PDB file of N, CA and C in Angstrom:
ATOM      1  N   UNK A   1       0.864  -1.145  -0.241  1.00  0.00           N
ATOM      2  CA  UNK A   1      -0.213  -0.114  -0.183  1.00  0.00           C
ATOM      3  C   UNK A   1       0.664   1.226  -0.095  1.00  0.00           C
ATOM      4  N   UNK A   2       0.778   2.398  -0.355  1.00  0.00           N
ATOM      5  CA  UNK A   2       1.445   3.116  -1.047  1.00  0.00           C
ATOM      6  C   UNK A   2       0.574   4.820  -0.025  1.00  0.00           C
ATOM      7  N   UNK A   3       1.910   5.388   0.390  1.00  0.00           N
ATOM      8  CA  UNK A   3       0.906   6.170   1.397  1.00  0.00           C
ATOM      9  C   UNK A   3       1.438   7.631   1.342  1.00  0.00           C
ATOM     10  N   UNK A   4       1.283   8.180   0.081  1.00  0.00           N
ATOM     11  CA  UNK A   4       1.883   9.277  -0.356  1.00  0.00           C
ATOM     12  C   UNK A   4       1.393  11.254   0.053  1.00  0.00           C
ATOM     13  N   UNK A   5       2.397  11.765   0.982  1.00  0.00           N
ATOM     14  CA  UNK A   5       2.390  12.800   1.841  1.00  0.00           C
ATOM     15  C   UNK A   5       3.008  14.032   1.061  1.00  0.00           C
ATOM     16  N   UNK A   6       1.609  14.969   0.932  1.00  0.00           N
ATOM     17  CA  UNK A   6       1.798  15.931  -0.293  1.00  0.00           C
ATOM     18  C   UNK A   6       2.151  17.152   0.746  1.00  0.00           C
ATOM     19  N   UNK A   7       3.714  17.473   0.672  1.00  0.00           N
ATOM     20  CA  UNK A   7       3.641  19.313   1.337  1.00  0.00           C
ATOM     21  C   UNK A   7       3.025  20.050   0.469  1.00  0.00           C
ATOM     22  N   UNK A   8       1.742  21.184   0.830  1.00  0.00           N
ATOM     23  CA  UNK A   8       0.850  21.660  -0.074  1.00  0.00           C
ATOM     24  C   UNK A   8       1.812  22.984  -0.019  1.00  0.00           C
ATOM     25  N   UNK A   9       2.517  23.345   0.672  1.00  0.00           N
ATOM     26  CA  UNK A   9       2.900  24.684   0.636  1.00  0.00           C
ATOM     27  C   UNK A   9       3.932  24.605  -0.462  1.00  0.00           C
ATOM     28  N   UNK A  10       5.120  23.937  -0.590  1.00  0.00           N
ATOM     29  CA  UNK A  10       6.129  23.828  -1.185  1.00  0.00           C
ATOM     30  C   UNK A  10       6.354  22.913  -2.593  1.00  0.00           C
ATOM     31  N   UNK A  11       5.395  21.848  -2.302  1.00  0.00           N
ATOM     32  CA  UNK A  11       5.207  20.958  -3.429  1.00  0.00           C
ATOM     33  C   UNK A  11       5.630  19.682  -3.455  1.00  0.00           C
ATOM     34  N   UNK A  12       6.488  19.709  -2.854  1.00  0.00           N
ATOM     35  CA  UNK A  12       7.546  18.468  -1.860  1.00  0.00           C
ATOM     36  C   UNK A  12       6.480  17.011  -1.483  1.00  0.00           C
ATOM     37  N   UNK A  13       6.915  16.453  -2.326  1.00  0.00           N
ATOM     38  CA  UNK A  13       5.808  14.646  -1.798  1.00  0.00           C
ATOM     39  C   UNK A  13       7.122  14.072  -1.273  1.00  0.00           C
ATOM     40  N   UNK A  14       6.512  13.064  -0.080  1.00  0.00           N
ATOM     41  CA  UNK A  14       7.326  11.878   0.312  1.00  0.00           C
ATOM     42  C   UNK A  14       6.056  10.697   0.352  1.00  0.00           C
ATOM     43  N   UNK A  15       6.993   9.528   0.115  1.00  0.00           N
ATOM     44  CA  UNK A  15       6.054   8.244  -0.089  1.00  0.00           C
ATOM     45  C   UNK A  15       6.275   7.452   0.765  1.00  0.00           C
ATOM     46  N   UNK A  16       5.677   6.899   1.468  1.00  0.00           N
ATOM     47  CA  UNK A  16       6.160   5.444   2.130  1.00  0.00           C
ATOM     48  C   UNK A  16       4.764   4.585   2.145  1.00  0.00           C
ATOM     49  N   UNK A  17       5.906   3.213   1.952  1.00  0.00           N
ATOM     50  CA  UNK A  17       5.227   2.174   1.589  1.00  0.00           C
ATOM     51  C   UNK A  17       4.529   1.414   2.835  1.00  0.00           C
ATOM     52  N   UNK A  18       3.627   0.714   3.214  1.00  0.00           N
ATOM     53  CA  UNK A  18       3.354  -0.114   4.244  1.00  0.00           C
ATOM     54  C   UNK A  18       3.077  -1.848   3.769  1.00  0.00           C
ATOM     55  N   UNK A  19       3.769  -2.727   4.240  1.00  0.00           N
ATOM     56  CA  UNK A  19       3.596  -4.109   3.954  1.00  0.00           C
ATOM     57  C   UNK A  19       2.034  -4.890   3.766  1.00  0.00           C
ATOM     58  N   UNK A  20       2.359  -5.699   2.682  1.00  0.00           N
ATOM     59  CA  UNK A  20       1.490  -6.542   2.639  1.00  0.00           C
ATOM     60  C   UNK A  20       0.851  -6.961   4.170  1.00  0.00           C
ATOM     61  N   UNK A  21       1.748  -7.241   4.756  1.00  0.00           N
ATOM     62  CA  UNK A  21       1.243  -7.659   6.332  1.00  0.00           C
ATOM     63  C   UNK A  21       0.182  -6.673   7.174  1.00  0.00           C
ATOM     64  N   UNK A  22       0.617  -5.719   6.838  1.00  0.00           N
ATOM     65  CA  UNK A  22      -0.169  -4.387   6.958  1.00  0.00           C
ATOM     66  C   UNK A  22      -1.391  -4.190   6.683  1.00  0.00           C
ATOM     67  N   UNK A  23      -1.279  -3.963   5.065  1.00  0.00           N
ATOM     68  CA  UNK A  23      -2.674  -4.319   4.733  1.00  0.00           C
ATOM     69  C   UNK A  23      -4.161  -5.419   4.466  1.00  0.00           C
ATOM     70  N   UNK A  24      -3.209  -6.287   4.990  1.00  0.00           N
ATOM     71  CA  UNK A  24      -3.894  -7.965   5.624  1.00  0.00           C
ATOM     72  C   UNK A  24      -4.758  -7.131   6.952  1.00  0.00           C
ATOM     73  N   UNK A  25      -4.183  -6.738   8.105  1.00  0.00           N
ATOM     74  CA  UNK A  25      -4.497  -6.618   9.409  1.00  0.00           C
ATOM     75  C   UNK A  25      -5.309  -5.490   9.111  1.00  0.00           C
ATOM     76  N   UNK A  26      -5.382  -4.348   8.326  1.00  0.00           N
ATOM     77  CA  UNK A  26      -6.758  -3.324   8.097  1.00  0.00           C
ATOM     78  C   UNK A  26      -8.095  -3.770   7.888  1.00  0.00           C
ATOM     79  N   UNK A  27      -7.207  -4.785   6.827  1.00  0.00           N
ATOM     80  CA  UNK A  27      -8.730  -5.344   5.733  1.00  0.00           C
ATOM     81  C   UNK A  27      -9.158  -6.399   6.396  1.00  0.00           C
ATOM     82  N   UNK A  28      -8.418  -6.902   7.449  1.00  0.00           N
ATOM     83  CA  UNK A  28      -9.154  -7.873   8.328  1.00  0.00           C
ATOM     84  C   UNK A  28      -9.893  -7.362   9.645  1.00  0.00           C
ATOM     85  N   UNK A  29      -9.268  -6.025  10.401  1.00  0.00           N
ATOM     86  CA  UNK A  29     -10.080  -5.730  11.269  1.00  0.00           C
ATOM     87  C   UNK A  29     -10.769  -4.313  11.387  1.00  0.00           C
ATOM     88  N   UNK A  30     -10.990  -3.694   9.669  1.00  0.00           N
ATOM     89  CA  UNK A  30     -11.510  -2.083   9.791  1.00  0.00           C
ATOM     90  C   UNK A  30     -12.559  -2.519   8.134  1.00  0.00           C
ATOM     91  N   UNK A  31     -12.330  -3.306   7.747  1.00  0.00           N
ATOM     92  CA  UNK A  31     -13.159  -3.052   6.278  1.00  0.00           C
ATOM     93  C   UNK A  31     -14.497  -2.966   6.323  1.00  0.00           C
ATOM     94  N   UNK A  32     -15.011  -4.154   7.092  1.00  0.00           N
ATOM     95  CA  UNK A  32     -16.403  -4.485   7.997  1.00  0.00           C
ATOM     96  C   UNK A  32     -17.171  -3.241   8.890  1.00  0.00           C
ATOM     97  N   UNK A  33     -18.366  -2.909   8.040  1.00  0.00           N
ATOM     98  CA  UNK A  33     -19.178  -1.537   8.621  1.00  0.00           C
ATOM     99  C   UNK A  33     -19.738  -1.675   9.853  1.00  0.00           C
ATOM    100  N   UNK A  34     -19.540  -0.536  10.498  1.00  0.00           N
ATOM    101  CA  UNK A  34     -19.593  -1.195  12.201  1.00  0.00           C
ATOM    102  C   UNK A  34     -18.404  -1.235  13.044  1.00  0.00           C
ATOM    103  N   UNK A  35     -17.326  -1.425  11.720  1.00  0.00           N
ATOM    104  CA  UNK A  35     -16.096  -1.562  12.494  1.00  0.00           C
ATOM    105  C   UNK A  35     -15.505  -1.417  13.977  1.00  0.00           C
ATOM    106  N   UNK A  36     -15.819   0.408  13.380  1.00  0.00           N
ATOM    107  CA  UNK A  36     -15.297   1.362  14.898  1.00  0.00           C
ATOM    108  C   UNK A  36     -14.298   2.338  13.990  1.00  0.00           C
ATOM    109  N   UNK A  37     -14.010   1.861  12.653  1.00  0.00           N
ATOM    110  CA  UNK A  37     -12.762   2.274  12.416  1.00  0.00           C
ATOM    111  C   UNK A  37     -13.370   3.467  10.899  1.00  0.00           C
ATOM    112  N   UNK A  38     -13.760   4.172  11.329  1.00  0.00           N
ATOM    113  CA  UNK A  38     -14.360   5.216  10.205  1.00  0.00           C
ATOM    114  C   UNK A  38     -13.660   5.409   8.605  1.00  0.00           C
ATOM    115  N   UNK A  39     -12.412   5.951   9.140  1.00  0.00           N
ATOM    116  CA  UNK A  39     -11.227   6.462   7.647  1.00  0.00           C
ATOM    117  C   UNK A  39     -10.561   5.739   7.992  1.00  0.00           C
ATOM    118  N   UNK A  40     -10.210   4.655   8.703  1.00  0.00           N
ATOM    119  CA  UNK A  40      -9.465   3.817   8.081  1.00  0.00           C
ATOM    120  C   UNK A  40     -10.164   2.115   7.510  1.00  0.00           C
ATOM    121  N   UNK A  41     -11.264   2.215   7.740  1.00  0.00           N
ATOM    122  CA  UNK A  41     -12.264   1.333   6.763  1.00  0.00           C
ATOM    123  C   UNK A  41     -12.564   1.996   5.205  1.00  0.00           C
ATOM    124  N   UNK A  42     -12.113   3.215   4.995  1.00  0.00           N
ATOM    125  CA  UNK A  42     -12.144   3.700   3.682  1.00  0.00           C
ATOM    126  C   UNK A  42     -10.571   3.164   3.263  1.00  0.00           C
ATOM    127  N   UNK A  43      -9.606   2.774   3.782  1.00  0.00           N
ATOM    128  CA  UNK A  43      -8.251   2.665   3.356  1.00  0.00           C
ATOM    129  C   UNK A  43      -8.365   1.318   3.211  1.00  0.00           C
ATOM    130  N   UNK A  44      -8.797   0.843   3.943  1.00  0.00           N
ATOM    131  CA  UNK A  44      -9.108  -0.926   3.802  1.00  0.00           C
ATOM    132  C   UNK A  44      -9.765  -1.721   2.805  1.00  0.00           C
ATOM    133  N   UNK A  45     -11.039  -0.924   2.392  1.00  0.00           N
ATOM    134  CA  UNK A  45     -11.502  -1.129   1.359  1.00  0.00           C
ATOM    135  C   UNK A  45     -10.865  -0.383  -0.076  1.00  0.00           C
ATOM    136  N   UNK A  46      -9.484   0.066  -0.287  1.00  0.00           N
ATOM    137  CA  UNK A  46      -8.676   0.535  -1.846  1.00  0.00           C
ATOM    138  C   UNK A  46      -8.595  -1.220  -1.681  1.00  0.00           C
ATOM    139  N   UNK A  47      -9.177  -0.942  -3.346  1.00  0.00           N
ATOM    140  CA  UNK A  47      -8.638  -1.810  -4.368  1.00  0.00           C
ATOM    141  C   UNK A  47      -7.413  -1.717  -4.900  1.00  0.00           C
ATOM    142  N   UNK A  48      -6.905  -3.502  -5.929  1.00  0.00           N
ATOM    143  CA  UNK A  48      -5.438  -2.966  -6.674  1.00  0.00           C
ATOM    144  C   UNK A  48      -6.350  -1.797  -8.003  1.00  0.00           C
ATOM    145  N   UNK A  49      -5.401  -0.944  -8.025  1.00  0.00           N
ATOM    146  CA  UNK A  49      -5.781   0.303  -8.861  1.00  0.00           C
ATOM    147  C   UNK A  49      -7.043   1.265  -8.401  1.00  0.00           C
ATOM    148  N   UNK A  50      -7.111   1.340  -7.313  1.00  0.00           N
ATOM    149  CA  UNK A  50      -8.782   1.952  -7.122  1.00  0.00           C
ATOM    150  C   UNK A  50      -8.167   3.545  -7.364  1.00  0.00           C
ATOM    151  N   UNK A  51      -8.905   4.312  -7.199  1.00  0.00           N
ATOM    152  CA  UNK A  51      -8.572   5.795  -7.392  1.00  0.00           C
ATOM    153  C   UNK A  51      -8.141   6.115  -5.896  1.00  0.00           C
ATOM    154  N   UNK A  52      -7.470   7.280  -6.229  1.00  0.00           N
ATOM    155  CA  UNK A  52      -6.439   7.437  -5.012  1.00  0.00           C
ATOM    156  C   UNK A  52      -7.477   8.209  -3.874  1.00  0.00           C
ATOM    157  N   UNK A  53      -7.201   7.973  -2.354  1.00  0.00           N
ATOM    158  CA  UNK A  53      -7.955   8.446  -1.787  1.00  0.00           C
ATOM    159  C   UNK A  53      -7.654   9.732  -0.842  1.00  0.00           C
ATOM    160  N   UNK A  54      -7.784  11.031  -0.800  1.00  0.00           N
ATOM    161  CA  UNK A  54      -7.445  11.907  -0.359  1.00  0.00           C
ATOM    162  C   UNK A  54      -8.269  12.086   1.539  1.00  0.00           C
ATOM    163  N   UNK A  55      -6.998  12.130   1.888  1.00  0.00           N
ATOM    164  CA  UNK A  55      -7.450  12.024   3.716  1.00  0.00           C
ATOM    165  C   UNK A  55      -6.670  13.504   4.217  1.00  0.00           C
ATOM    166  N   UNK A  56      -7.778  14.226   4.750  1.00  0.00           N
ATOM    167  CA  UNK A  56      -6.813  15.900   5.250  1.00  0.00           C
ATOM    168  C   UNK A  56      -7.974  16.066   6.316  1.00  0.00           C
ATOM    169  N   UNK A  57      -7.794  17.416   6.829  1.00  0.00           N
ATOM    170  CA  UNK A  57      -8.841  17.590   7.496  1.00  0.00           C
ATOM    171  C   UNK A  57      -9.253  16.948   8.679  1.00  0.00           C
ATOM    172  N   UNK A  58     -10.405  17.077   8.984  1.00  0.00           N
ATOM    173  CA  UNK A  58     -11.096  16.938  10.348  1.00  0.00           C
ATOM    174  C   UNK A  58     -10.812  14.950  10.139  1.00  0.00           C
ATOM    175  N   UNK A  59     -10.918  14.753   8.648  1.00  0.00           N
ATOM    176  CA  UNK A  59     -10.704  13.106   8.599  1.00  0.00           C
ATOM    177  C   UNK A  59      -9.220  12.389   8.435  1.00  0.00           C
ATOM    178  N   UNK A  60      -8.185  13.247   8.206  1.00  0.00           N
ATOM    179  CA  UNK A  60      -7.016  12.700   9.018  1.00  0.00           C
ATOM    180  C   UNK A  60      -6.951  12.769  10.311  1.00  0.00           C
ATOM    181  N   UNK A  61      -7.811  13.613  11.028  1.00  0.00           N
ATOM    182  CA  UNK A  61      -8.259  13.151  13.215  1.00  0.00           C
ATOM    183  C   UNK A  61      -8.465  12.127  13.158  1.00  0.00           C
ATOM    184  N   UNK A  62      -9.605  11.988  12.314  1.00  0.00           N
ATOM    185  CA  UNK A  62     -10.224  10.600  12.912  1.00  0.00           C
ATOM    186  C   UNK A  62      -9.514   9.680  12.430  1.00  0.00           C
ATOM    187  N   UNK A  63      -8.345   9.371  11.405  1.00  0.00           N
ATOM    188  CA  UNK A  63      -7.462   8.581  11.005  1.00  0.00           C
ATOM    189  C   UNK A  63      -6.524   8.334  11.932  1.00  0.00           C
ATOM    190  N   UNK A  64      -6.049   9.292  12.805  1.00  0.00           N
ATOM    191  CA  UNK A  64      -5.332   9.018  14.021  1.00  0.00           C
ATOM    192  C   UNK A  64      -5.998   8.508  14.728  1.00  0.00           C
ATOM    193  N   UNK A  65      -6.959   8.881  15.163  1.00  0.00           N
ATOM    194  CA  UNK A  65      -8.083   7.866  16.087  1.00  0.00           C
ATOM    195  C   UNK A  65      -7.545   6.718  15.707  1.00  0.00           C
ATOM    196  N   UNK A  66      -8.504   6.336  14.456  1.00  0.00           N
ATOM    197  CA  UNK A  66      -8.524   5.446  14.256  1.00  0.00           C
ATOM    198  C   UNK A  66      -7.251   4.108  14.684  1.00  0.00           C
ATOM    199  N   UNK A  67      -6.353   4.972  14.091  1.00  0.00           N
ATOM    200  CA  UNK A  67      -4.563   4.005  14.275  1.00  0.00           C
ATOM    201  C   UNK A  67      -4.731   3.782  15.364  1.00  0.00           C
ATOM    202  N   UNK A  68      -4.554   4.909  16.537  1.00  0.00           N
ATOM    203  CA  UNK A  68      -4.331   5.089  17.926  1.00  0.00           C
ATOM    204  C   UNK A  68      -5.216   3.657  18.578  1.00  0.00           C
ATOM    205  N   UNK A  69      -6.732   3.593  18.371  1.00  0.00           N
ATOM    206  CA  UNK A  69      -7.371   2.468  18.413  1.00  0.00           C
ATOM    207  C   UNK A  69      -6.969   0.842  17.851  1.00  0.00           C
ATOM    208  N   UNK A  70      -6.708   0.919  16.910  1.00  0.00           N
ATOM    209  CA  UNK A  70      -5.924  -0.329  16.309  1.00  0.00           C
ATOM    210  C   UNK A  70      -4.632  -0.029  17.309  1.00  0.00           C
ATOM    211  N   UNK A  71      -3.753   0.381  17.118  1.00  0.00           N
ATOM    212  CA  UNK A  71      -2.401  -0.104  17.785  1.00  0.00           C
ATOM    213  C   UNK A  71      -2.762  -0.793  19.470  1.00  0.00           C
ATOM    214  N   UNK A  72      -3.699  -0.284  20.181  1.00  0.00           N
ATOM    215  CA  UNK A  72      -4.130  -1.150  21.166  1.00  0.00           C
ATOM    216  C   UNK A  72      -4.734  -2.137  21.145  1.00  0.00           C
ATOM    217  N   UNK A  73      -5.083  -2.093  19.799  1.00  0.00           N
ATOM    218  CA  UNK A  73      -5.721  -3.914  19.581  1.00  0.00           C
ATOM    219  C   UNK A  73      -5.831  -4.913  19.102  1.00  0.00           C
ATOM    220  N   UNK A  74      -3.967  -4.733  18.660  1.00  0.00           N
ATOM    221  CA  UNK A  74      -3.113  -6.020  18.528  1.00  0.00           C
ATOM    222  C   UNK A  74      -1.847  -5.695  18.489  1.00  0.00           C
ATOM    223  N   UNK A  75      -1.404  -7.139  18.618  1.00  0.00           N
ATOM    224  CA  UNK A  75       0.425  -6.513  18.733  1.00  0.00           C
ATOM    225  C   UNK A  75       0.700  -7.447  17.031  1.00  0.00           C
ATOM    226  N   UNK A  76       0.011  -7.769  16.000  1.00  0.00           N
ATOM    227  CA  UNK A  76       1.009  -8.160  15.210  1.00  0.00           C
ATOM    228  C   UNK A  76       0.898  -6.740  14.062  1.00  0.00           C
ATOM    229  N   UNK A  77       2.436  -6.610  13.467  1.00  0.00           N
ATOM    230  CA  UNK A  77       2.308  -5.033  12.530  1.00  0.00           C
ATOM    231  C   UNK A  77       1.877  -3.654  13.470  1.00  0.00           C
ATOM    232  N   UNK A  78       2.513  -4.087  14.918  1.00  0.00           N
ATOM    233  CA  UNK A  78       2.441  -2.673  15.735  1.00  0.00           C
ATOM    234  C   UNK A  78       3.404  -1.710  15.375  1.00  0.00           C
ATOM    235  N   UNK A  79       4.023  -2.090  14.516  1.00  0.00           N
ATOM    236  CA  UNK A  79       5.880  -1.189  14.660  1.00  0.00           C
ATOM    237  C   UNK A  79       4.679  -0.726  13.156  1.00  0.00           C
ATOM    238  N   UNK A  80       4.414  -0.883  11.658  1.00  0.00           N
ATOM    239  CA  UNK A  80       4.043  -0.258  11.405  1.00  0.00           C
ATOM    240  C   UNK A  80       2.608   0.743  11.258  1.00  0.00           C
ATOM    241  N   UNK A  81       2.068   0.272  12.528  1.00  0.00           N
ATOM    242  CA  UNK A  81       0.825   1.221  12.822  1.00  0.00           C
ATOM    243  C   UNK A  81       1.500   2.268  13.755  1.00  0.00           C
ATOM    244  N   UNK A  82       2.169   2.336  14.303  1.00  0.00           N
ATOM    245  CA  UNK A  82       2.771   3.179  15.148  1.00  0.00           C
ATOM    246  C   UNK A  82       3.464   4.360  13.626  1.00  0.00           C
ATOM    247  N   UNK A  83       4.535   3.491  13.019  1.00  0.00           N
ATOM    248  CA  UNK A  83       4.836   4.563  12.251  1.00  0.00           C
ATOM    249  C   UNK A  83       4.131   4.860  11.270  1.00  0.00           C
ATOM    250  N   UNK A  84       3.090   4.537  10.516  1.00  0.00           N
ATOM    251  CA  UNK A  84       1.624   5.217   9.984  1.00  0.00           C
ATOM    252  C   UNK A  84       1.419   6.219  10.839  1.00  0.00           C
ATOM    253  N   UNK A  85       1.091   6.118  12.241  1.00  0.00           N
ATOM    254  CA  UNK A  85       0.580   6.803  13.027  1.00  0.00           C
ATOM    255  C   UNK A  85       1.052   8.126  12.948  1.00  0.00           C
ATOM    256  N   UNK A  86       2.587   7.775  13.435  1.00  0.00           N
ATOM    257  CA  UNK A  86       3.445   9.282  13.421  1.00  0.00           C
ATOM    258  C   UNK A  86       3.403   9.767  12.104  1.00  0.00           C
ATOM    259  N   UNK A  87       3.230   9.272  11.197  1.00  0.00           N
ATOM    260  CA  UNK A  87       3.466   9.972   9.675  1.00  0.00           C
ATOM    261  C   UNK A  87       1.810  11.055   9.475  1.00  0.00           C
ATOM    262  N   UNK A  88       0.676  10.229  10.108  1.00  0.00           N
ATOM    263  CA  UNK A  88      -0.501  10.949  10.174  1.00  0.00           C
ATOM    264  C   UNK A  88      -0.506  12.394  11.054  1.00  0.00           C
ATOM    265  N   UNK A  89       0.014  11.872  12.092  1.00  0.00           N
ATOM    266  CA  UNK A  89      -0.076  13.013  13.358  1.00  0.00           C
ATOM    267  C   UNK A  89       0.762  14.489  12.779  1.00  0.00           C
ATOM    268  N   UNK A  90       1.905  14.032  12.496  1.00  0.00           N
ATOM    269  CA  UNK A  90       2.700  15.058  11.740  1.00  0.00           C
ATOM    270  C   UNK A  90       2.278  15.897  10.541  1.00  0.00           C
ATOM    271  N   UNK A  91       1.617  14.729   9.573  1.00  0.00           N
ATOM    272  CA  UNK A  91       0.558  15.814   8.770  1.00  0.00           C
ATOM    273  C   UNK A  91      -0.885  16.694   9.183  1.00  0.00           C
ATOM    274  N   UNK A  92      -1.306  16.002  10.118  1.00  0.00           N
ATOM    275  CA  UNK A  92      -2.414  16.761  11.054  1.00  0.00           C
ATOM    276  C   UNK A  92      -1.251  18.046  11.405  1.00  0.00           C
ATOM    277  N   UNK A  93      -0.722  17.865  11.981  1.00  0.00           N
ATOM    278  CA  UNK A  93       0.333  19.036  12.951  1.00  0.00           C
ATOM    279  C   UNK A  93       0.578  20.401  11.791  1.00  0.00           C
ATOM    280  N   UNK A  94       0.763  19.833  10.878  1.00  0.00           N
ATOM    281  CA  UNK A  94       1.473  20.385   9.660  1.00  0.00           C
ATOM    282  C   UNK A  94      -0.046  21.147   9.107  1.00  0.00           C
ATOM    283  N   UNK A  95      -0.877  20.611   8.600  1.00  0.00           N
ATOM    284  CA  UNK A  95      -2.225  20.796   7.948  1.00  0.00           C
ATOM    285  C   UNK A  95      -1.817  20.572   6.078  1.00  0.00           C
ATOM    286  N   UNK A  96      -1.373  19.164   7.152  1.00  0.00           N
ATOM    287  CA  UNK A  96      -0.978  18.703   5.246  1.00  0.00           C
ATOM    288  C   UNK A  96      -2.026  17.433   5.119  1.00  0.00           C
ATOM    289  N   UNK A  97      -1.871  16.635   3.731  1.00  0.00           N
ATOM    290  CA  UNK A  97      -3.278  16.151   3.918  1.00  0.00           C
ATOM    291  C   UNK A  97      -2.217  14.446   3.077  1.00  0.00           C
ATOM    292  N   UNK A  98      -2.818  13.659   3.031  1.00  0.00           N
ATOM    293  CA  UNK A  98      -2.722  12.372   2.739  1.00  0.00           C
ATOM    294  C   UNK A  98      -2.801  11.622   1.590  1.00  0.00           C
ATOM    295  N   UNK A  99      -2.196  11.579   0.528  1.00  0.00           N
ATOM    296  CA  UNK A  99      -3.145  10.453  -0.773  1.00  0.00           C
ATOM    297  C   UNK A  99      -2.726   9.107  -0.202  1.00  0.00           C
ATOM    298  N   UNK A 100      -3.608   8.207  -0.739  1.00  0.00           N
ATOM    299  CA  UNK A 100      -3.516   6.959  -0.118  1.00  0.00           C
ATOM    300  C   UNK A 100      -4.090   6.026  -1.631  1.00  0.00           C
ATOM    301  N   UNK A 101      -2.655   5.336  -1.878  1.00  0.00           N
ATOM    302  CA  UNK A 101      -3.414   4.768  -3.412  1.00  0.00           C
ATOM    303  C   UNK A 101      -3.485   3.137  -2.839  1.00  0.00           C
ATOM    304  N   UNK A 102      -4.396   2.048  -3.408  1.00  0.00           N
ATOM    305  CA  UNK A 102      -4.175   0.906  -2.722  1.00  0.00           C
ATOM    306  C   UNK A 102      -3.490   0.339  -3.909  1.00  0.00           C
ATOM    307  N   UNK A 103      -2.121  -0.876  -3.590  1.00  0.00           N
ATOM    308  CA  UNK A 103      -1.477  -1.154  -4.803  1.00  0.00           C
ATOM    309  C   UNK A 103      -1.398  -2.590  -4.409  1.00  0.00           C
ATOM    310  N   UNK A 104      -2.238  -3.081  -3.277  1.00  0.00           N
ATOM    311  CA  UNK A 104      -1.726  -4.376  -2.796  1.00  0.00           C
ATOM    312  C   UNK A 104      -3.348  -4.791  -2.946  1.00  0.00           C
ATOM    313  N   UNK A 105      -3.170  -6.689  -2.990  1.00  0.00           N
ATOM    314  CA  UNK A 105      -4.285  -7.228  -3.139  1.00  0.00           C
ATOM    315  C   UNK A 105      -4.181  -8.158  -1.623  1.00  0.00           C
ATOM    316  N   UNK A 106      -5.767  -8.017  -1.031  1.00  0.00           N
ATOM    317  CA  UNK A 106      -6.210  -7.996   0.826  1.00  0.00           C
ATOM    318  C   UNK A 106      -5.736  -9.930   0.894  1.00  0.00           C
ATOM    319  N   UNK A 107      -6.126 -10.097  -0.573  1.00  0.00           N
ATOM    320  CA  UNK A 107      -6.055 -11.574  -0.168  1.00  0.00           C
ATOM    321  C   UNK A 107      -4.637 -12.600  -0.731  1.00  0.00           C
ATOM    322  N   UNK A 108      -3.824 -11.731  -1.061  1.00  0.00           N
ATOM    323  CA  UNK A 108      -2.187 -12.274  -0.909  1.00  0.00           C
ATOM    324  C   UNK A 108      -1.963 -12.318   0.528  1.00  0.00           C
TER     325      UNK A 108
END
């Protein structure tokens, strides 16, 4: 899964990539309606070659909350969850947005 952080004021971009196991984790934990992960659910529902999902503003704050909740609910993939959480917190603090593209198959 590719996460692209665009620095809006100076047009610099930074991409981070999350492993297939992270994608399987969020696909398993967050994709069901009523899972309690409102924005992370949107990320988990991305499919291979789906349109890019933009997350900013209040939705980025909710993604931070979703990741904090996920971090407390799992041992597997905790490092990637905390790394992704740190990127989201930094982007939210700086008024930036994330562009997320799904480039993995959850069933792999």
